[in-house]
PDB file of N, CA and C in Angstrom:
ATOM      1  N   MET A   1       0.801  -1.377   0.014  1.00  0.00           N
ATOM      2  CA  MET A   1      -0.215  -0.370  -0.183  1.00  0.00           C
ATOM      3  C   MET A   1       1.142   1.552  -0.112  1.00  0.00           C
ATOM      4  N   ARG A   2       0.637   1.777  -0.877  1.00  0.00           N
ATOM      5  CA  ARG A   2       0.926   3.209  -0.927  1.00  0.00           C
ATOM      6  C   ARG A   2       1.143   4.249   0.393  1.00  0.00           C
ATOM      7  N   ILE A   3       1.455   5.110   0.824  1.00  0.00           N
ATOM      8  CA  ILE A   3       1.321   6.353   1.100  1.00  0.00           C
ATOM      9  C   ILE A   3       1.174   8.061   1.082  1.00  0.00           C
ATOM     10  N   GLY A   4      -0.232   8.035   1.611  1.00  0.00           N
ATOM     11  CA  GLY A   4      -0.894   9.049   0.774  1.00  0.00           C
ATOM     12  C   GLY A   4      -0.244  10.328   1.778  1.00  0.00           C
ATOM     13  N   LYS A   5       0.439  11.853   1.209  1.00  0.00           N
ATOM     14  CA  LYS A   5       0.090  12.262   1.437  1.00  0.00           C
ATOM     15  C   LYS A   5      -0.896  13.756   1.502  1.00  0.00           C
ATOM     16  N   VAL A   6      -1.604  14.432   2.749  1.00  0.00           N
ATOM     17  CA  VAL A   6      -2.475  15.395   2.430  1.00  0.00           C
ATOM     18  C   VAL A   6      -1.523  16.944   2.708  1.00  0.00           C
ATOM     19  N   SER A   7      -1.618  17.143   1.807  1.00  0.00           N
ATOM     20  CA  SER A   7      -0.864  18.426   2.213  1.00  0.00           C
ATOM     21  C   SER A   7      -1.642  20.528   2.009  1.00  0.00           C
ATOM     22  N   ALA A   8      -2.930  19.792   1.774  1.00  0.00           N
ATOM     23  CA  ALA A   8      -4.240  20.811   1.891  1.00  0.00           C
ATOM     24  C   ALA A   8      -4.630  20.842   3.171  1.00  0.00           C
ATOM     25  N   GLN A   9      -5.036  22.073   3.633  1.00  0.00           N
ATOM     26  CA  GLN A   9      -5.372  22.185   4.925  1.00  0.00           C
ATOM     27  C   GLN A   9      -6.745  21.842   4.916  1.00  0.00           C
ATOM     28  N   ALA A  10      -7.449  22.402   4.359  1.00  0.00           N
ATOM     29  CA  ALA A  10      -8.777  22.057   3.857  1.00  0.00           C
ATOM     30  C   ALA A  10      -9.265  20.351   3.407  1.00  0.00           C
ATOM     31  N   THR A  11      -8.290  19.760   3.027  1.00  0.00           N
ATOM     32  CA  THR A  11      -8.263  18.448   3.018  1.00  0.00           C
ATOM     33  C   THR A  11      -7.983  17.413   4.102  1.00  0.00           C
ATOM     34  N   HIS A  12      -7.166  18.024   5.169  1.00  0.00           N
ATOM     35  CA  HIS A  12      -7.322  17.398   6.383  1.00  0.00           C
ATOM     36  C   HIS A  12      -7.911  17.563   7.127  1.00  0.00           C
ATOM     37  N   HIS A  13      -8.518  18.690   7.202  1.00  0.00           N
ATOM     38  CA  HIS A  13      -9.907  18.955   8.122  1.00  0.00           C
ATOM     39  C   HIS A  13     -10.752  17.875   7.571  1.00  0.00           C
ATOM     40  N   ARG A  14     -11.357  17.867   6.379  1.00  0.00           N
ATOM     41  CA  ARG A  14     -12.315  17.228   6.040  1.00  0.00           C
ATOM     42  C   ARG A  14     -12.089  15.622   6.069  1.00  0.00           C
ATOM     43  N   SER A  15     -10.638  15.031   6.272  1.00  0.00           N
ATOM     44  CA  SER A  15     -10.787  13.787   6.522  1.00  0.00           C
ATOM     45  C   SER A  15     -10.923  13.842   7.987  1.00  0.00           C
ATOM     46  N   VAL A  16     -10.469  14.544   9.320  1.00  0.00           N
ATOM     47  CA  VAL A  16     -10.391  14.242  10.609  1.00  0.00           C
ATOM     48  C   VAL A  16     -11.684  14.484  10.347  1.00  0.00           C
ATOM     49  N   LYS A  17     -13.253  15.265  10.036  1.00  0.00           N
ATOM     50  CA  LYS A  17     -14.717  15.453  10.454  1.00  0.00           C
ATOM     51  C   LYS A  17     -15.021  13.915   9.756  1.00  0.00           C
ATOM     52  N   ASP A  18     -14.931  13.484   9.057  1.00  0.00           N
ATOM     53  CA  ASP A  18     -15.211  12.354   8.473  1.00  0.00           C
ATOM     54  C   ASP A  18     -15.099  11.073   9.320  1.00  0.00           C
ATOM     55  N   LEU A  19     -13.581  11.048   9.529  1.00  0.00           N
ATOM     56  CA  LEU A  19     -13.025  10.129  10.471  1.00  0.00           C
ATOM     57  C   LEU A  19     -14.027  10.026  11.881  1.00  0.00           C
ATOM     58  N   HIS A  20     -14.449  10.999  12.324  1.00  0.00           N
ATOM     59  CA  HIS A  20     -15.333  11.468  13.834  1.00  0.00           C
ATOM     60  C   HIS A  20     -16.749  10.968  13.380  1.00  0.00           C
ATOM     61  N   ALA A  21     -17.061  11.220  12.059  1.00  0.00           N
ATOM     62  CA  ALA A  21     -18.307  11.206  11.684  1.00  0.00           C
ATOM     63  C   ALA A  21     -18.507   9.117  11.538  1.00  0.00           C
ATOM     64  N   PHE A  22     -17.633   8.774  11.018  1.00  0.00           N
ATOM     65  CA  PHE A  22     -17.618   7.281  10.739  1.00  0.00           C
ATOM     66  C   PHE A  22     -17.560   6.317  12.112  1.00  0.00           C
ATOM     67  N   GLY A  23     -16.733   7.198  13.169  1.00  0.00           N
ATOM     68  CA  GLY A  23     -16.820   7.053  14.674  1.00  0.00           C
ATOM     69  C   GLY A  23     -15.628   6.009  14.581  1.00  0.00           C
ATOM     70  N   TYR A  24     -14.057   7.085  14.073  1.00  0.00           N
ATOM     71  CA  TYR A  24     -12.722   6.000  14.076  1.00  0.00           C
ATOM     72  C   TYR A  24     -12.415   6.728  15.274  1.00  0.00           C
ATOM     73  N   ILE A  25     -12.623   8.156  15.042  1.00  0.00           N
ATOM     74  CA  ILE A  25     -11.994   8.991  16.272  1.00  0.00           C
ATOM     75  C   ILE A  25     -12.636   9.851  16.777  1.00  0.00           C
ATOM     76  N   ARG A  26     -12.448  10.285  17.958  1.00  0.00           N
ATOM     77  CA  ARG A  26     -13.131  11.206  18.380  1.00  0.00           C
ATOM     78  C   ARG A  26     -12.785  12.529  18.631  1.00  0.00           C
ATOM     79  N   TYR A  27     -13.351  13.780  17.597  1.00  0.00           N
ATOM     80  CA  TYR A  27     -12.452  14.534  17.622  1.00  0.00           C
ATOM     81  C   TYR A  27     -13.109  16.397  18.326  1.00  0.00           C
ATOM     82  N   GLU A  28     -12.423  16.892  18.960  1.00  0.00           N
ATOM     83  CA  GLU A  28     -12.855  18.232  19.701  1.00  0.00           C
ATOM     84  C   GLU A  28     -11.929  19.310  19.640  1.00  0.00           C
ATOM     85  N   PRO A  29     -12.500  19.815  18.344  1.00  0.00           N
ATOM     86  CA  PRO A  29     -11.454  20.625  18.025  1.00  0.00           C
ATOM     87  C   PRO A  29     -11.551  22.379  19.052  1.00  0.00           C
ATOM     88  N   SER A  30     -10.435  23.162  18.530  1.00  0.00           N
ATOM     89  CA  SER A  30     -10.333  23.866  19.301  1.00  0.00           C
ATOM     90  C   SER A  30     -10.662  25.252  18.515  1.00  0.00           C
ATOM     91  N   PHE A  31     -11.166  26.017  18.783  1.00  0.00           N
ATOM     92  CA  PHE A  31     -11.594  27.718  18.176  1.00  0.00           C
ATOM     93  C   PHE A  31      -9.939  28.383  18.831  1.00  0.00           C
ATOM     94  N   LYS A  32      -9.408  28.196  19.754  1.00  0.00           N
ATOM     95  CA  LYS A  32      -8.829  28.918  20.318  1.00  0.00           C
ATOM     96  C   LYS A  32      -7.277  28.116  19.028  1.00  0.00           C
ATOM     97  N   ARG A  33      -6.137  29.702  18.499  1.00  0.00           N
ATOM     98  CA  ARG A  33      -5.229  29.401  18.101  1.00  0.00           C
ATOM     99  C   ARG A  33      -4.031  29.309  19.200  1.00  0.00           C
ATOM    100  N   ASN A  34      -4.349  29.541  20.398  1.00  0.00           N
ATOM    101  CA  ASN A  34      -2.977  28.721  21.120  1.00  0.00           C
ATOM    102  C   ASN A  34      -3.351  27.551  21.774  1.00  0.00           C
ATOM    103  N   CYS A  35      -4.448  26.581  21.441  1.00  0.00           N
ATOM    104  CA  CYS A  35      -5.043  26.065  21.929  1.00  0.00           C
ATOM    105  C   CYS A  35      -4.948  24.544  20.861  1.00  0.00           C
ATOM    106  N   LYS A  36      -4.421  23.457  21.640  1.00  0.00           N
ATOM    107  CA  LYS A  36      -4.461  22.285  20.277  1.00  0.00           C
ATOM    108  C   LYS A  36      -5.945  21.592  20.450  1.00  0.00           C
ATOM    109  N   SER A  37      -6.621  21.457  19.079  1.00  0.00           N
ATOM    110  CA  SER A  37      -7.418  20.813  18.841  1.00  0.00           C
ATOM    111  C   SER A  37      -7.086  18.966  19.924  1.00  0.00           C
ATOM    112  N   LYS A  38      -8.459  18.048  20.418  1.00  0.00           N
ATOM    113  CA  LYS A  38      -8.015  16.783  20.965  1.00  0.00           C
ATOM    114  C   LYS A  38      -8.630  15.868  19.808  1.00  0.00           C
ATOM    115  N   VAL A  39      -7.793  14.447  19.613  1.00  0.00           N
ATOM    116  CA  VAL A  39      -8.175  13.677  19.167  1.00  0.00           C
ATOM    117  C   VAL A  39      -8.118  12.305  19.515  1.00  0.00           C
ATOM    118  N   LEU A  40      -8.759  11.782  19.588  1.00  0.00           N
ATOM    119  CA  LEU A  40      -9.164  10.411  20.580  1.00  0.00           C
ATOM    120  C   LEU A  40      -9.385   9.441  19.717  1.00  0.00           C
ATOM    121  N   ALA A  41      -8.297   8.006  19.698  1.00  0.00           N
ATOM    122  CA  ALA A  41      -8.398   7.149  19.011  1.00  0.00           C
ATOM    123  C   ALA A  41      -9.652   6.402  19.685  1.00  0.00           C
ATOM    124  N   VAL A  42     -10.950   5.768  19.037  1.00  0.00           N
ATOM    125  CA  VAL A  42     -11.940   5.314  19.500  1.00  0.00           C
ATOM    126  C   VAL A  42     -11.373   3.702  19.643  1.00  0.00           C
ATOM    127  N   SER A  43     -11.555   3.060  20.534  1.00  0.00           N
ATOM    128  CA  SER A  43     -11.084   1.275  21.383  1.00  0.00           C
ATOM    129  C   SER A  43     -11.854   0.767  20.322  1.00  0.00           C
ATOM    130  N   PHE A  44     -12.045  -0.678  19.750  1.00  0.00           N
ATOM    131  CA  PHE A  44     -12.796  -0.737  19.045  1.00  0.00           C
ATOM    132  C   PHE A  44     -13.275  -2.127  19.642  1.00  0.00           C
ATOM    133  N   ARG A  45     -12.826  -2.716  20.767  1.00  0.00           N
ATOM    134  CA  ARG A  45     -13.778  -3.455  22.216  1.00  0.00           C
ATOM    135  C   ARG A  45     -14.790  -2.773  22.491  1.00  0.00           C
ATOM    136  N   ASP A  46     -14.960  -1.452  22.142  1.00  0.00           N
ATOM    137  CA  ASP A  46     -16.182  -0.979  23.248  1.00  0.00           C
ATOM    138  C   ASP A  46     -17.120  -0.516  21.999  1.00  0.00           C
ATOM    139  N   VAL A  47     -17.055  -0.853  20.839  1.00  0.00           N
ATOM    140  CA  VAL A  47     -18.014  -0.693  19.652  1.00  0.00           C
ATOM    141  C   VAL A  47     -18.495  -1.558  19.680  1.00  0.00           C
ATOM    142  N   LYS A  48     -20.000  -1.886  19.330  1.00  0.00           N
ATOM    143  CA  LYS A  48     -20.388  -3.213  19.313  1.00  0.00           C
ATOM    144  C   LYS A  48     -20.508  -3.235  17.423  1.00  0.00           C
ATOM    145  N   SER A  49     -20.088  -4.931  17.217  1.00  0.00           N
ATOM    146  CA  SER A  49     -19.875  -5.440  16.020  1.00  0.00           C
ATOM    147  C   SER A  49     -21.557  -5.199  15.360  1.00  0.00           C
ATOM    148  N   GLU A  50     -21.855  -4.687  14.157  1.00  0.00           N
ATOM    149  CA  GLU A  50     -23.146  -4.659  13.216  1.00  0.00           C
ATOM    150  C   GLU A  50     -23.013  -5.250  12.559  1.00  0.00           C
ATOM    151  N   VAL A  51     -21.701  -5.947  12.209  1.00  0.00           N
ATOM    152  CA  VAL A  51     -21.855  -7.552  10.938  1.00  0.00           C
ATOM    153  C   VAL A  51     -21.420  -8.521  11.581  1.00  0.00           C
ATOM    154  N   ARG A  52     -22.292  -9.203  11.318  1.00  0.00           N
ATOM    155  CA  ARG A  52     -21.832 -10.639  12.372  1.00  0.00           C
ATOM    156  C   ARG A  52     -22.206 -11.949  10.947  1.00  0.00           C
TER     157      ARG A  52
END
């Protein structure tokens, strides 16, 4: 698998929002320049599997 590169800020932000919407990460944006946004990985053990 080739490694992808995201160089545009808009593409990066859209990808993070999509991952949050799909439930892969928990994203808590910070709207202040001097504070970092929080990105937390979701434990798949806690997620109920819909495919059986």
